[in-house]
Structure formats: structure tokens, C-alpha cells
Amino acid sequence: MFTGIVQDLRAVEAVESTATGVRLDIALGPLAQDLQLGASVAINGTCLTVTSVSNTLVSFDVIPETLELTNLGTLRAGEFVNIERSYRVGDEVGGHIVSGHVTGQAKVMEIAGGDKETRIWFEVPAQAIDSLLMKGFVALDGASLTISNIDRDASRIEVSLIPETLARTTLGRIAPGGHVNLEVDQQTAAIVTTVERVLASDQWLDRLAARLEQRAAQQA
């Protein structure tokens, strides 16, 4: 579990193909302190398990499913990624609770703005748009952000970023046509899914009709 507050921007040292996917080597610097094998670390918002630690060089094994779903599959040595270590009870939650389970990739469509604010429009997977709300939370490459605008018909969202966020995350290095990892707020997604399932239930509709008939009879 994470908070969506990126702790560092680090370069990928090596990308190595393995029999089970890809191995990423990243020098985490101070964030490698006391890091144990099996610990969870968010890399571009994707929860990965530590498989090796050598001083500050940390390795992660990434399976094909994760490579296909996220932008980790296109990483090359020298590229930068967002890093956040897992949340500990008592830590300040400056963003929102993030699971590190990526929903899909969002495509950068438009970047505009000036020195004080940058606005970026993203095209998101169609199945994700119903779980995204105006002024609601979204995690992009693991960074907790607030949706500043939404176009449901085009399946697009906009976020507004200050210079500090651009400097400290991958969002300051993206360009139109690029992709970032998207995670919808899990609580919102759960509510949307539950409501859709209930509304699709014939049994629920029958109960609702019976209650309406009973109320109409009582008022007659």
C-alpha cells in the first residue's frame, strides 16, 4: 500500500530479459536503507517485489502480464522512474491510498500552460472513465493527483501540475503520445462496480417494483 507521494526520481541502471519476464536494476540511493528482500516498492506506481539488494542497487522481477499492462515494458536503461516505498502505519498520508495495482495506461494527448501551472490531458481506458470523477483522486505513474477536468465522451481527463510536481516526477519528462500508468481510486471503483451490479440484477428490480407497489397501495 502506498500514498501516491513520489519520494524520488531514479534512473534505471539495467533492464535484463529473463526466463520469466524482465529484471529491473535501479539504484535507489537513500531509499535502499533497511530495504529487505520481499518488500514492496512502487515503480511508476506499479507495486513490485524486491528480489535483490546490493548496497543501493535494488532488483525487481517483472512478469509478462505486468509488462503488458504497464509502461514498465518499454523501459530502457537510463530512463527515470518514480519511486515510493510502501506505506507504514503512522506515516503522513499526503496523497491518497494507492494499491500499486495499475488499472491500465493513459496516453498523453495535450500539454499546455506556463511557468506556474501545466495542464495535461490524458486519454484513459474506456473501462476506467466511470471510476474517475471531477476533483476526484487519480494516480498517474504513482503520483497522487486531483482531476481538474473530465471529458467522458472522449474518455479523457485533465490534471493541473505545479512546477514542483513536474520537477520531482516523471510527469515533467513526458510528451504527447507517451504513456503513464493509471490507477483509479479503489473506493470509487468499488462503489461504481457495486451499483452497476445491483442495477443489472433482475431480482433487485423485482424487489424495487414490489416496494413501489406497496407504497402506492398504502397511499391510496
C-alpha atoms as a PDB file:
ATOM      1  CA  MET A   1       0.000   0.000   0.000  1.00  0.00           C
ATOM      2  CA  PHE A   2       1.251   3.490  -0.895  1.00  0.00           C
ATOM      3  CA  THR A   3       0.244   7.142  -0.529  1.00  0.00           C
ATOM      4  CA  GLY A   4       0.879   8.481  -4.029  1.00  0.00           C
ATOM      5  CA  ILE A   5       3.621  10.845  -2.827  1.00  0.00           C
ATOM      6  CA  VAL A   6       6.649  10.154  -5.027  1.00  0.00           C
ATOM      7  CA  GLN A   7       9.771  10.002  -2.870  1.00  0.00           C
ATOM      8  CA  ASP A   8      12.409  10.111  -5.583  1.00  0.00           C
ATOM      9  CA  LEU A   9      13.049  10.094  -9.306  1.00  0.00           C
ATOM     10  CA  ARG A  10      15.703   7.486 -10.125  1.00  0.00           C
ATOM     11  CA  ALA A  11      17.318   6.203 -13.305  1.00  0.00           C
ATOM     12  CA  VAL A  12      17.037   2.582 -14.386  1.00  0.00           C
ATOM     13  CA  GLU A  13      20.525   1.082 -14.289  1.00  0.00           C
ATOM     14  CA  ALA A  14      19.811  -2.071 -16.316  1.00  0.00           C
ATOM     15  CA  VAL A  15      16.997  -3.976 -17.991  1.00  0.00           C
ATOM     16  CA  GLU A  16      17.638  -7.691 -18.442  1.00  0.00           C
ATOM     17  CA  SER A  17      15.391 -10.266 -20.099  1.00  0.00           C
ATOM     18  CA  THR A  18      14.863 -13.399 -18.033  1.00  0.00           C
ATOM     19  CA  ALA A  19      13.073 -16.706 -18.468  1.00  0.00           C
ATOM     20  CA  THR A  20      10.065 -15.293 -16.591  1.00  0.00           C
ATOM     21  CA  GLY A  21       9.986 -11.717 -17.883  1.00  0.00           C
ATOM     22  CA  VAL A  22      12.336  -8.813 -17.187  1.00  0.00           C
ATOM     23  CA  ARG A  23      14.679  -7.870 -14.362  1.00  0.00           C
ATOM     24  CA  LEU A  24      14.978  -4.170 -13.493  1.00  0.00           C
ATOM     25  CA  ASP A  25      18.006  -2.835 -11.625  1.00  0.00           C
ATOM     26  CA  ILE A  26      17.548   0.579 -10.021  1.00  0.00           C
ATOM     27  CA  ALA A  27      19.929   2.437  -7.712  1.00  0.00           C
ATOM     28  CA  LEU A  28      17.556   3.705  -5.021  1.00  0.00           C
ATOM     29  CA  GLY A  29      20.105   5.734  -3.095  1.00  0.00           C
ATOM     30  CA  PRO A  30      18.925   6.574   0.458  1.00  0.00           C
ATOM     31  CA  LEU A  31      15.626   4.779  -0.183  1.00  0.00           C
ATOM     32  CA  ALA A  32      17.514   1.467  -0.199  1.00  0.00           C
ATOM     33  CA  GLN A  33      18.319   1.839   3.509  1.00  0.00           C
ATOM     34  CA  ASP A  34      16.934  -1.093   5.543  1.00  0.00           C
ATOM     35  CA  LEU A  35      15.132  -2.416   2.467  1.00  0.00           C
ATOM     36  CA  GLN A  36      14.509  -6.142   2.827  1.00  0.00           C
ATOM     37  CA  LEU A  37      14.061  -8.908   0.282  1.00  0.00           C
ATOM     38  CA  GLY A  38      10.353  -9.365  -0.450  1.00  0.00           C
ATOM     39  CA  ALA A  39       9.499  -5.756   0.374  1.00  0.00           C
ATOM     40  CA  SER A  40       7.113  -3.829  -1.875  1.00  0.00           C
ATOM     41  CA  VAL A  41       8.211  -0.731  -3.783  1.00  0.00           C
ATOM     42  CA  ALA A  42       6.140   1.271  -6.253  1.00  0.00           C
ATOM     43  CA  ILE A  43       7.950   1.798  -9.557  1.00  0.00           C
ATOM     44  CA  ASN A  44       5.955   4.242 -11.709  1.00  0.00           C
ATOM     45  CA  GLY A  45       3.017   3.364  -9.484  1.00  0.00           C
ATOM     46  CA  THR A  46       3.395  -0.385 -10.034  1.00  0.00           C
ATOM     47  CA  CYS A  47       3.832  -2.474  -6.894  1.00  0.00           C
ATOM     48  CA  LEU A  48       6.933  -4.632  -7.376  1.00  0.00           C
ATOM     49  CA  THR A  49       8.712  -7.030  -5.042  1.00  0.00           C
ATOM     50  CA  VAL A  50      12.370  -6.608  -4.133  1.00  0.00           C
ATOM     51  CA  THR A  51      14.315  -9.665  -5.318  1.00  0.00           C
ATOM     52  CA  SER A  52      17.866  -8.477  -4.665  1.00  0.00           C
ATOM     53  CA  VAL A  53      19.631  -5.725  -2.713  1.00  0.00           C
ATOM     54  CA  SER A  54      23.315  -4.877  -3.153  1.00  0.00           C
ATOM     55  CA  ASN A  55      24.209  -1.665  -1.330  1.00  0.00           C
ATOM     56  CA  THR A  56      21.858   0.835  -3.018  1.00  0.00           C
ATOM     57  CA  LEU A  57      21.278  -1.237  -6.178  1.00  0.00           C
ATOM     58  CA  VAL A  58      17.885  -2.941  -5.966  1.00  0.00           C
ATOM     59  CA  SER A  59      16.466  -5.515  -8.386  1.00  0.00           C
ATOM     60  CA  PHE A  60      12.857  -6.306  -9.298  1.00  0.00           C
ATOM     61  CA  ASP A  61      11.498  -9.153 -11.421  1.00  0.00           C
ATOM     62  CA  VAL A  62       8.607  -8.128 -13.671  1.00  0.00           C
ATOM     63  CA  ILE A  63       6.318 -10.770 -15.168  1.00  0.00           C
ATOM     64  CA  PRO A  64       4.872 -10.555 -18.739  1.00  0.00           C
ATOM     65  CA  GLU A  65       1.372  -9.587 -17.556  1.00  0.00           C
ATOM     66  CA  THR A  66       2.763  -6.540 -15.748  1.00  0.00           C
ATOM     67  CA  LEU A  67       4.977  -5.643 -18.700  1.00  0.00           C
ATOM     68  CA  GLU A  68       1.947  -5.659 -20.995  1.00  0.00           C
ATOM     69  CA  LEU A  69      -0.389  -3.749 -18.681  1.00  0.00           C
ATOM     70  CA  THR A  70       2.052  -1.017 -17.589  1.00  0.00           C
ATOM     71  CA  ASN A  71       4.699   1.215 -19.134  1.00  0.00           C
ATOM     72  CA  LEU A  72       7.434  -0.834 -17.461  1.00  0.00           C
ATOM     73  CA  GLY A  73       7.556  -2.951 -20.602  1.00  0.00           C
ATOM     74  CA  THR A  74       9.052  -0.075 -22.594  1.00  0.00           C
ATOM     75  CA  LEU A  75      11.682   0.984 -20.047  1.00  0.00           C
ATOM     76  CA  ARG A  76      15.303   1.247 -21.146  1.00  0.00           C
ATOM     77  CA  ALA A  77      18.487   1.769 -19.145  1.00  0.00           C
ATOM     78  CA  GLY A  78      18.946   5.443 -18.332  1.00  0.00           C
ATOM     79  CA  GLU A  79      15.238   6.282 -18.206  1.00  0.00           C
ATOM     80  CA  PHE A  80      13.835   7.728 -14.997  1.00  0.00           C
ATOM     81  CA  VAL A  81      11.059   6.220 -12.902  1.00  0.00           C
ATOM     82  CA  ASN A  82       9.033   7.370  -9.896  1.00  0.00           C
ATOM     83  CA  ILE A  83       9.881   5.614  -6.631  1.00  0.00           C
ATOM     84  CA  GLU A  84       7.806   5.231  -3.475  1.00  0.00           C
ATOM     85  CA  ARG A  85       8.411   2.780  -0.679  1.00  0.00           C
ATOM     86  CA  SER A  86       5.407   1.144   0.953  1.00  0.00           C
ATOM     87  CA  TYR A  87       3.300   2.993   3.498  1.00  0.00           C
ATOM     88  CA  ARG A  88       3.978   2.380   7.190  1.00  0.00           C
ATOM     89  CA  VAL A  89       1.382   2.931   9.891  1.00  0.00           C
ATOM     90  CA  GLY A  90       1.976   6.359  11.344  1.00  0.00           C
ATOM     91  CA  ASP A  91       3.323   7.880   8.122  1.00  0.00           C
ATOM     92  CA  GLU A  92       1.740  11.084   6.890  1.00  0.00           C
ATOM     93  CA  VAL A  93      -0.730  10.429   4.054  1.00  0.00           C
ATOM     94  CA  GLY A  94      -0.200  13.475   1.874  1.00  0.00           C
ATOM     95  CA  GLY A  95      -1.894  11.989  -1.177  1.00  0.00           C
ATOM     96  CA  HIS A  96      -4.441   9.166  -1.174  1.00  0.00           C
ATOM     97  CA  ILE A  97      -4.247   5.441  -0.544  1.00  0.00           C
ATOM     98  CA  VAL A  98      -2.793   3.737  -3.626  1.00  0.00           C
ATOM     99  CA  SER A  99      -2.569  -0.035  -4.037  1.00  0.00           C
ATOM    100  CA  GLY A 100       0.053  -0.164  -6.778  1.00  0.00           C
ATOM    101  CA  HIS A 101      -2.315  -2.306  -8.863  1.00  0.00           C
ATOM    102  CA  VAL A 102      -2.315  -0.445 -12.171  1.00  0.00           C
ATOM    103  CA  THR A 103      -5.654  -0.156 -13.986  1.00  0.00           C
ATOM    104  CA  GLY A 104      -4.058   0.462 -17.382  1.00  0.00           C
ATOM    105  CA  GLN A 105      -2.100   3.052 -19.304  1.00  0.00           C
ATOM    106  CA  ALA A 106      -3.160   6.632 -20.023  1.00  0.00           C
ATOM    107  CA  LYS A 107      -1.953   8.310 -23.206  1.00  0.00           C
ATOM    108  CA  VAL A 108      -0.653  11.881 -23.119  1.00  0.00           C
ATOM    109  CA  MET A 109      -2.801  13.897 -25.534  1.00  0.00           C
ATOM    110  CA  GLU A 110      -2.033  17.563 -24.865  1.00  0.00           C
ATOM    111  CA  ILE A 111       0.303  19.625 -22.674  1.00  0.00           C
ATOM    112  CA  ALA A 112      -0.339  23.324 -22.116  1.00  0.00           C
ATOM    113  CA  GLY A 113       0.380  26.043 -19.583  1.00  0.00           C
ATOM    114  CA  GLY A 114       3.085  28.353 -18.359  1.00  0.00           C
ATOM    115  CA  ASP A 115       5.636  28.788 -15.578  1.00  0.00           C
ATOM    116  CA  LYS A 116       3.197  28.459 -12.666  1.00  0.00           C
ATOM    117  CA  GLU A 117       0.901  25.695 -13.896  1.00  0.00           C
ATOM    118  CA  THR A 118       0.962  22.966 -16.527  1.00  0.00           C
ATOM    119  CA  ARG A 119      -2.226  21.289 -17.709  1.00  0.00           C
ATOM    120  CA  ILE A 120      -2.060  17.828 -19.222  1.00  0.00           C
ATOM    121  CA  TRP A 121      -4.872  15.934 -20.921  1.00  0.00           C
ATOM    122  CA  PHE A 122      -4.762  12.130 -20.874  1.00  0.00           C
ATOM    123  CA  GLU A 123      -6.820   9.605 -22.786  1.00  0.00           C
ATOM    124  CA  VAL A 124      -7.711   6.812 -20.370  1.00  0.00           C
ATOM    125  CA  PRO A 125      -9.003   3.262 -20.966  1.00  0.00           C
ATOM    126  CA  ALA A 126     -12.753   3.311 -21.644  1.00  0.00           C
ATOM    127  CA  GLN A 127     -13.428   0.900 -18.758  1.00  0.00           C
ATOM    128  CA  ALA A 128     -11.774   3.313 -16.317  1.00  0.00           C
ATOM    129  CA  ILE A 129     -13.632   6.533 -17.100  1.00  0.00           C
ATOM    130  CA  ASP A 130     -16.707   5.688 -14.967  1.00  0.00           C
ATOM    131  CA  SER A 131     -14.456   5.416 -11.888  1.00  0.00           C
ATOM    132  CA  LEU A 132     -12.945   8.862 -12.441  1.00  0.00           C
ATOM    133  CA  LEU A 133     -14.667  11.953 -11.055  1.00  0.00           C
ATOM    134  CA  MET A 134     -14.206  15.711 -11.323  1.00  0.00           C
ATOM    135  CA  LYS A 135     -11.997  16.763  -8.375  1.00  0.00           C
ATOM    136  CA  GLY A 136     -11.535  13.095  -7.531  1.00  0.00           C
ATOM    137  CA  PHE A 137      -8.252  11.255  -6.990  1.00  0.00           C
ATOM    138  CA  VAL A 138      -6.202   9.524  -9.660  1.00  0.00           C
ATOM    139  CA  ALA A 139      -2.685   8.075  -9.573  1.00  0.00           C
ATOM    140  CA  LEU A 140      -0.539   8.686 -12.664  1.00  0.00           C
ATOM    141  CA  ASP A 141       2.834   6.891 -12.644  1.00  0.00           C
ATOM    142  CA  GLY A 142       2.160   6.517  -8.930  1.00  0.00           C
ATOM    143  CA  ALA A 143       1.714  10.248  -8.254  1.00  0.00           C
ATOM    144  CA  SER A 144      -1.484  11.171  -6.405  1.00  0.00           C
ATOM    145  CA  LEU A 145      -3.260  13.897  -8.374  1.00  0.00           C
ATOM    146  CA  THR A 146      -6.618  15.659  -8.486  1.00  0.00           C
ATOM    147  CA  ILE A 147      -8.652  15.574 -11.690  1.00  0.00           C
ATOM    148  CA  SER A 148      -9.185  19.187 -12.799  1.00  0.00           C
ATOM    149  CA  ASN A 149     -11.359  18.448 -15.824  1.00  0.00           C
ATOM    150  CA  ILE A 150     -13.025  15.449 -17.428  1.00  0.00           C
ATOM    151  CA  ASP A 151     -14.464  14.649 -20.866  1.00  0.00           C
ATOM    152  CA  ARG A 152     -16.395  11.401 -20.535  1.00  0.00           C
ATOM    153  CA  ASP A 153     -17.422  11.256 -24.193  1.00  0.00           C
ATOM    154  CA  ALA A 154     -13.781  11.296 -25.289  1.00  0.00           C
ATOM    155  CA  SER A 155     -12.626   9.225 -22.277  1.00  0.00           C
ATOM    156  CA  ARG A 156     -10.170  11.931 -21.274  1.00  0.00           C
ATOM    157  CA  ILE A 157      -9.114  13.604 -18.034  1.00  0.00           C
ATOM    158  CA  GLU A 158      -7.044  16.688 -17.293  1.00  0.00           C
ATOM    159  CA  VAL A 159      -4.689  17.311 -14.372  1.00  0.00           C
ATOM    160  CA  SER A 160      -3.051  20.600 -13.404  1.00  0.00           C
ATOM    161  CA  LEU A 161       0.518  20.385 -12.137  1.00  0.00           C
ATOM    162  CA  ILE A 162       2.748  22.812 -10.270  1.00  0.00           C
ATOM    163  CA  PRO A 163       6.464  23.109 -11.164  1.00  0.00           C
ATOM    164  CA  GLU A 164       7.471  21.116  -8.057  1.00  0.00           C
ATOM    165  CA  THR A 165       5.481  18.077  -9.204  1.00  0.00           C
ATOM    166  CA  LEU A 166       6.951  18.322 -12.697  1.00  0.00           C
ATOM    167  CA  ALA A 167      10.491  18.513 -11.311  1.00  0.00           C
ATOM    168  CA  ARG A 168      10.119  15.604  -8.876  1.00  0.00           C
ATOM    169  CA  THR A 169       8.241  13.088 -11.045  1.00  0.00           C
ATOM    170  CA  THR A 170       8.181  11.517 -14.494  1.00  0.00           C
ATOM    171  CA  LEU A 171       5.307  13.834 -15.391  1.00  0.00           C
ATOM    172  CA  GLY A 172       7.839  16.566 -16.108  1.00  0.00           C
ATOM    173  CA  ARG A 173       9.504  14.336 -18.734  1.00  0.00           C
ATOM    174  CA  ILE A 174       6.518  13.132 -20.738  1.00  0.00           C
ATOM    175  CA  ALA A 175       5.462  14.298 -24.203  1.00  0.00           C
ATOM    176  CA  PRO A 176       2.304  13.924 -26.304  1.00  0.00           C
ATOM    177  CA  GLY A 177       1.976  10.334 -27.433  1.00  0.00           C
ATOM    178  CA  GLY A 178       3.692   8.961 -24.329  1.00  0.00           C
ATOM    179  CA  HIS A 179       2.051   6.715 -21.756  1.00  0.00           C
ATOM    180  CA  VAL A 180       1.807   6.764 -17.967  1.00  0.00           C
ATOM    181  CA  ASN A 181       0.435   4.169 -15.578  1.00  0.00           C
ATOM    182  CA  LEU A 182      -3.076   4.862 -14.342  1.00  0.00           C
ATOM    183  CA  GLU A 183      -4.664   3.653 -11.117  1.00  0.00           C
ATOM    184  CA  VAL A 184      -8.213   4.684 -10.288  1.00  0.00           C
ATOM    185  CA  ASP A 185      -9.236   5.312  -6.685  1.00  0.00           C
ATOM    186  CA  GLN A 186     -10.140   1.852  -5.373  1.00  0.00           C
ATOM    187  CA  GLN A 187     -13.017   3.043  -3.174  1.00  0.00           C
ATOM    188  CA  THR A 188     -14.663   4.853  -6.078  1.00  0.00           C
ATOM    189  CA  ALA A 189     -14.178   1.828  -8.343  1.00  0.00           C
ATOM    190  CA  ALA A 190     -15.749  -0.467  -5.735  1.00  0.00           C
ATOM    191  CA  ILE A 191     -18.811   1.787  -5.406  1.00  0.00           C
ATOM    192  CA  VAL A 192     -19.271   2.054  -9.180  1.00  0.00           C
ATOM    193  CA  THR A 193     -18.923  -1.702  -9.662  1.00  0.00           C
ATOM    194  CA  THR A 194     -21.372  -2.489  -6.846  1.00  0.00           C
ATOM    195  CA  VAL A 195     -24.003  -0.051  -8.095  1.00  0.00           C
ATOM    196  CA  GLU A 196     -23.696  -1.352 -11.677  1.00  0.00           C
ATOM    197  CA  ARG A 197     -24.059  -4.943 -10.469  1.00  0.00           C
ATOM    198  CA  VAL A 198     -27.090  -4.133  -8.330  1.00  0.00           C
ATOM    199  CA  LEU A 199     -28.837  -2.175 -11.093  1.00  0.00           C
ATOM    200  CA  ALA A 200     -28.269  -5.059 -13.518  1.00  0.00           C
ATOM    201  CA  SER A 201     -29.923  -7.541 -11.151  1.00  0.00           C
ATOM    202  CA  ASP A 202     -33.472  -8.593 -12.102  1.00  0.00           C
ATOM    203  CA  GLN A 203     -34.041  -9.655  -8.500  1.00  0.00           C
ATOM    204  CA  TRP A 204     -33.274  -6.144  -7.268  1.00  0.00           C
ATOM    205  CA  LEU A 205     -35.606  -4.643  -9.868  1.00  0.00           C
ATOM    206  CA  ASP A 206     -38.388  -7.024  -8.802  1.00  0.00           C
ATOM    207  CA  ARG A 207     -37.932  -6.017  -5.149  1.00  0.00           C
ATOM    208  CA  LEU A 208     -37.967  -2.332  -6.097  1.00  0.00           C
ATOM    209  CA  ALA A 209     -41.168  -2.765  -8.122  1.00  0.00           C
ATOM    210  CA  ALA A 210     -42.829  -4.608  -5.229  1.00  0.00           C
ATOM    211  CA  ARG A 211     -41.894  -1.854  -2.779  1.00  0.00           C
ATOM    212  CA  LEU A 212     -43.234   0.843  -5.097  1.00  0.00           C
ATOM    213  CA  GLU A 213     -46.493  -1.061  -5.491  1.00  0.00           C
ATOM    214  CA  GLN A 214     -46.742  -1.485  -1.707  1.00  0.00           C
ATOM    215  CA  ARG A 215     -46.124   2.220  -1.126  1.00  0.00           C
ATOM    216  CA  ALA A 216     -48.693   3.182  -3.749  1.00  0.00           C
ATOM    217  CA  ALA A 217     -51.266   0.889  -2.097  1.00  0.00           C
ATOM    218  CA  GLN A 218     -50.613   2.430   1.329  1.00  0.00           C
ATOM    219  CA  GLN A 219     -51.076   5.940  -0.032  1.00  0.00           C
ATOM    220  CA  ALA A 220     -54.261   5.069  -1.897  1.00  0.00           C
END
